[in-house]
């Protein structure tokens, strides 16, 4: 799936991805496999990734590629065009 990095904490190696299907955001955990040479993920980077979904919660399994095509772009601007009326809403706390 194609996604855009919305937020990433390099110290903890965790982050969130907006998904092209406009479904739930995907979570990046510290154990995610990345392409060789990719040490950090910048906000606005475009990625191709594989994920697992359980109970509507997406967890990134593997990042296939990273492209910095939107460097410096604020993800909030991208999400302004998001049509929330077609999305299901869910809030889950994951600890």
N, C-alpha and C. Protein backbone atom coordinates (compact mmCIF):
# COMPACT_ATOMS: atom_id res chain seq x y z
N UNK A 1 0.85 -1.17 0.00
CA UNK A 1 0.00 0.00 0.00
C UNK A 1 0.90 1.23 0.00
N UNK A 2 0.40 2.29 -0.59
CA UNK A 2 1.10 3.57 -0.62
C UNK A 2 0.67 4.39 0.59
N UNK A 3 1.62 5.07 1.23
CA UNK A 3 1.29 5.89 2.38
C UNK A 3 2.21 7.09 2.50
N UNK A 4 1.85 8.00 3.39
CA UNK A 4 2.65 9.19 3.66
C UNK A 4 2.90 9.26 5.16
N UNK A 5 4.17 9.47 5.52
CA UNK A 5 4.53 9.58 6.93
C UNK A 5 3.93 10.86 7.50
N UNK A 6 3.05 10.71 8.49
CA UNK A 6 2.45 11.87 9.16
C UNK A 6 3.29 12.31 10.35
N UNK A 7 3.83 11.33 11.05
CA UNK A 7 4.59 11.60 12.26
C UNK A 7 5.55 10.45 12.47
N UNK A 8 6.76 10.76 12.93
CA UNK A 8 7.74 9.71 13.22
C UNK A 8 8.68 10.18 14.31
N UNK A 9 8.88 9.36 15.34
CA UNK A 9 9.80 9.63 16.44
C UNK A 9 11.02 8.74 16.24
N UNK A 10 12.12 9.32 15.79
CA UNK A 10 13.32 8.55 15.48
C UNK A 10 13.94 7.90 16.71
N UNK A 11 13.83 8.56 17.87
CA UNK A 11 14.40 7.99 19.10
C UNK A 11 13.74 6.68 19.48
N UNK A 12 12.42 6.61 19.29
CA UNK A 12 11.67 5.41 19.68
C UNK A 12 11.34 4.51 18.49
N UNK A 13 11.63 4.99 17.28
CA UNK A 13 11.35 4.25 16.04
C UNK A 13 9.87 3.88 15.91
N UNK A 14 8.99 4.86 16.19
CA UNK A 14 7.55 4.67 16.05
C UNK A 14 6.97 5.83 15.26
N UNK A 15 5.86 5.56 14.58
CA UNK A 15 5.24 6.62 13.80
C UNK A 15 3.87 6.24 13.29
N UNK A 16 3.26 7.16 12.52
CA UNK A 16 1.94 6.95 11.93
C UNK A 16 1.98 7.26 10.45
N UNK A 17 1.21 6.49 9.68
CA UNK A 17 1.16 6.64 8.23
C UNK A 17 -0.28 6.85 7.79
N UNK A 18 -0.49 7.84 6.92
CA UNK A 18 -1.76 8.01 6.23
C UNK A 18 -1.76 7.02 5.08
N UNK A 19 -2.86 6.30 4.88
CA UNK A 19 -2.93 5.25 3.87
C UNK A 19 -3.74 5.71 2.66
N UNK A 20 -3.32 5.29 1.47
CA UNK A 20 -3.95 5.73 0.23
C UNK A 20 -5.43 5.38 0.15
N UNK A 21 -5.87 4.32 0.82
CA UNK A 21 -7.29 3.95 0.75
C UNK A 21 -8.14 4.76 1.73
N UNK A 22 -7.52 5.68 2.45
CA UNK A 22 -8.16 6.56 3.42
C UNK A 22 -8.84 5.79 4.54
N UNK A 23 -8.33 4.59 4.80
CA UNK A 23 -8.81 3.80 5.93
C UNK A 23 -8.08 4.22 7.19
N UNK A 24 -8.04 3.35 8.19
CA UNK A 24 -7.35 3.69 9.43
C UNK A 24 -5.87 4.00 9.19
N UNK A 25 -5.31 4.87 10.01
CA UNK A 25 -3.88 5.14 9.94
C UNK A 25 -3.12 3.87 10.30
N UNK A 26 -1.91 3.74 9.79
CA UNK A 26 -1.08 2.57 10.08
C UNK A 26 0.01 2.97 11.07
N UNK A 27 0.29 2.09 12.02
CA UNK A 27 1.29 2.32 13.05
C UNK A 27 2.61 1.68 12.64
N UNK A 28 3.70 2.44 12.77
CA UNK A 28 5.04 1.91 12.55
C UNK A 28 5.65 1.65 13.91
N UNK A 29 6.07 0.42 14.15
CA UNK A 29 6.72 0.07 15.41
C UNK A 29 8.22 -0.09 15.23
N UNK A 30 8.94 -0.25 16.33
CA UNK A 30 10.40 -0.34 16.27
C UNK A 30 10.93 -1.58 15.57
N UNK A 31 10.10 -2.61 15.41
CA UNK A 31 10.56 -3.85 14.80
C UNK A 31 10.26 -3.95 13.30
N UNK A 32 9.82 -2.86 12.68
CA UNK A 32 9.46 -2.86 11.26
C UNK A 32 10.71 -2.99 10.39
N UNK A 33 10.63 -3.89 9.41
CA UNK A 33 11.73 -4.06 8.46
C UNK A 33 11.73 -2.89 7.48
N UNK A 34 12.93 -2.31 7.25
CA UNK A 34 13.08 -1.18 6.33
C UNK A 34 14.06 -1.56 5.22
N UNK A 35 13.99 -0.83 4.09
CA UNK A 35 14.96 -1.07 3.03
C UNK A 35 16.38 -0.74 3.50
N UNK A 36 17.37 -1.41 2.91
CA UNK A 36 18.77 -1.12 3.24
C UNK A 36 19.07 0.36 3.04
N UNK A 37 19.79 0.94 3.97
CA UNK A 37 20.20 2.34 3.86
C UNK A 37 19.19 3.33 4.39
N UNK A 38 18.01 2.89 4.80
CA UNK A 38 17.00 3.80 5.35
C UNK A 38 17.08 3.73 6.87
N UNK A 39 17.63 4.79 7.46
CA UNK A 39 17.79 4.83 8.92
C UNK A 39 16.72 5.67 9.59
N UNK A 40 16.18 6.65 8.87
CA UNK A 40 15.22 7.56 9.46
C UNK A 40 14.07 7.77 8.47
N UNK A 41 12.90 8.07 8.99
CA UNK A 41 11.73 8.34 8.16
C UNK A 41 11.28 9.77 8.44
N UNK A 42 11.23 10.59 7.42
CA UNK A 42 10.87 11.99 7.58
C UNK A 42 9.39 12.22 7.31
N UNK A 43 8.81 13.17 8.04
CA UNK A 43 7.42 13.55 7.82
C UNK A 43 7.25 13.99 6.37
N UNK A 44 6.20 13.49 5.74
CA UNK A 44 5.93 13.82 4.35
C UNK A 44 6.53 12.84 3.36
N UNK A 45 7.37 11.90 3.83
CA UNK A 45 7.95 10.90 2.93
C UNK A 45 6.86 9.95 2.44
N UNK A 46 6.97 9.56 1.19
CA UNK A 46 6.04 8.60 0.60
C UNK A 46 6.66 7.22 0.72
N UNK A 47 5.87 6.24 1.18
CA UNK A 47 6.40 4.89 1.33
C UNK A 47 5.44 3.87 0.73
N UNK A 48 6.02 2.75 0.31
CA UNK A 48 5.25 1.57 -0.05
C UNK A 48 5.45 0.60 1.10
N UNK A 49 4.37 0.03 1.62
CA UNK A 49 4.50 -0.83 2.79
C UNK A 49 3.49 -1.96 2.78
N UNK A 50 3.81 -3.00 3.56
CA UNK A 50 2.91 -4.12 3.81
C UNK A 50 2.46 -3.99 5.26
N UNK A 51 1.23 -4.43 5.54
CA UNK A 51 0.70 -4.28 6.90
C UNK A 51 -0.17 -5.45 7.27
N UNK A 52 -0.40 -5.59 8.56
CA UNK A 52 -1.36 -6.53 9.12
C UNK A 52 -2.48 -5.71 9.72
N UNK A 53 -3.71 -6.22 9.62
CA UNK A 53 -4.84 -5.50 10.21
C UNK A 53 -5.60 -6.43 11.13
N UNK A 54 -5.80 -5.97 12.36
CA UNK A 54 -6.55 -6.72 13.35
C UNK A 54 -7.55 -5.79 14.00
N UNK A 55 -8.81 -6.15 13.94
CA UNK A 55 -9.88 -5.33 14.54
C UNK A 55 -9.83 -3.88 14.09
N UNK A 56 -9.53 -3.64 12.82
CA UNK A 56 -9.50 -2.30 12.27
C UNK A 56 -8.25 -1.51 12.59
N UNK A 57 -7.27 -2.13 13.24
CA UNK A 57 -6.02 -1.46 13.59
C UNK A 57 -4.92 -1.97 12.66
N UNK A 58 -4.24 -1.07 11.97
CA UNK A 58 -3.20 -1.44 11.02
C UNK A 58 -1.81 -1.29 11.64
N UNK A 59 -1.01 -2.33 11.47
CA UNK A 59 0.36 -2.31 11.94
C UNK A 59 1.27 -2.61 10.75
N UNK A 60 2.23 -1.73 10.51
CA UNK A 60 3.16 -1.92 9.38
C UNK A 60 4.05 -3.12 9.68
N UNK A 61 4.16 -4.01 8.71
CA UNK A 61 5.00 -5.20 8.82
C UNK A 61 6.36 -4.97 8.16
N UNK A 62 6.33 -4.35 6.97
CA UNK A 62 7.56 -4.15 6.21
C UNK A 62 7.41 -2.92 5.33
N UNK A 63 8.45 -2.09 5.29
CA UNK A 63 8.48 -0.95 4.39
C UNK A 63 9.29 -1.37 3.17
N UNK A 64 8.66 -1.32 2.00
CA UNK A 64 9.32 -1.77 0.77
C UNK A 64 10.19 -0.69 0.15
N UNK A 65 9.72 0.56 0.17
CA UNK A 65 10.52 1.65 -0.40
C UNK A 65 10.11 2.98 0.22
N UNK A 66 11.06 3.93 0.18
CA UNK A 66 10.84 5.26 0.72
C UNK A 66 11.27 6.27 -0.32
N UNK A 67 10.42 7.25 -0.58
CA UNK A 67 10.76 8.33 -1.52
C UNK A 67 10.42 9.66 -0.86
N UNK A 68 11.35 10.59 -0.90
CA UNK A 68 11.11 11.91 -0.32
C UNK A 68 10.59 12.80 -1.44
N UNK A 69 9.31 12.62 -1.80
CA UNK A 69 8.71 13.39 -2.89
C UNK A 69 7.95 14.61 -2.38
N UNK A 70 7.71 14.66 -1.08
CA UNK A 70 6.93 15.75 -0.52
C UNK A 70 7.68 16.42 0.62
N UNK A 71 8.98 16.47 0.52
CA UNK A 71 9.80 17.04 1.59
C UNK A 71 9.32 18.44 1.96
N UNK A 72 9.15 18.66 3.24
CA UNK A 72 8.72 19.97 3.72
C UNK A 72 7.22 20.19 3.65
N UNK A 73 6.47 19.22 3.14
CA UNK A 73 5.02 19.36 3.05
C UNK A 73 4.40 19.04 4.40
N UNK A 74 3.48 19.85 4.81
CA UNK A 74 2.77 19.62 6.05
C UNK A 74 1.65 18.61 5.79
N UNK A 75 1.69 17.44 6.43
CA UNK A 75 0.64 16.44 6.21
C UNK A 75 -0.76 16.95 6.50
N UNK A 76 -0.89 17.95 7.37
CA UNK A 76 -2.21 18.51 7.65
C UNK A 76 -2.84 19.08 6.39
N UNK A 77 -2.04 19.63 5.50
CA UNK A 77 -2.54 20.16 4.23
C UNK A 77 -3.08 19.04 3.35
N UNK A 78 -2.41 17.90 3.38
CA UNK A 78 -2.86 16.74 2.60
C UNK A 78 -4.20 16.26 3.12
N UNK A 79 -4.34 16.22 4.43
CA UNK A 79 -5.56 15.68 5.04
C UNK A 79 -6.74 16.63 4.96
N UNK A 80 -6.52 17.89 4.59
CA UNK A 80 -7.63 18.84 4.46
C UNK A 80 -8.65 18.37 3.43
N UNK A 81 -8.20 17.64 2.41
CA UNK A 81 -9.11 17.17 1.37
C UNK A 81 -9.73 15.81 1.70
N UNK A 82 -9.40 15.26 2.86
CA UNK A 82 -9.92 13.97 3.27
C UNK A 82 -11.42 14.06 3.53
N UNK A 83 -12.19 13.16 2.95
CA UNK A 83 -13.64 13.16 3.09
C UNK A 83 -14.03 12.23 4.24
N UNK A 84 -14.17 12.77 5.42
CA UNK A 84 -14.47 11.98 6.61
C UNK A 84 -15.86 11.36 6.58
N UNK A 85 -16.77 11.87 5.76
CA UNK A 85 -18.13 11.32 5.74
C UNK A 85 -18.16 9.89 5.20
N UNK A 86 -17.13 9.50 4.44
CA UNK A 86 -17.07 8.15 3.89
C UNK A 86 -16.25 7.19 4.74
N UNK A 87 -15.67 7.67 5.83
CA UNK A 87 -14.79 6.84 6.65
C UNK A 87 -15.52 6.40 7.91
N UNK A 88 -15.13 5.23 8.37
CA UNK A 88 -15.66 4.79 9.67
C UNK A 88 -14.75 5.37 10.74
N UNK A 89 -15.33 5.76 11.84
CA UNK A 89 -14.51 6.36 12.89
C UNK A 89 -14.27 5.35 13.99
N UNK A 90 -13.07 5.37 14.51
CA UNK A 90 -12.71 4.50 15.61
C UNK A 90 -11.53 5.12 16.33
N UNK A 91 -11.57 5.04 17.62
CA UNK A 91 -10.44 5.48 18.42
C UNK A 91 -10.07 4.35 19.34
N UNK A 92 -8.84 3.92 19.22
CA UNK A 92 -8.37 2.83 20.06
C UNK A 92 -7.10 3.29 20.77
N UNK A 93 -7.02 2.99 22.04
CA UNK A 93 -5.82 3.29 22.79
C UNK A 93 -4.97 2.04 22.81
N UNK A 94 -3.73 2.17 22.37
CA UNK A 94 -2.83 1.03 22.33
C UNK A 94 -1.67 1.32 23.26
N UNK A 95 -1.44 0.43 24.18
CA UNK A 95 -0.34 0.67 25.12
C UNK A 95 0.72 -0.39 24.97
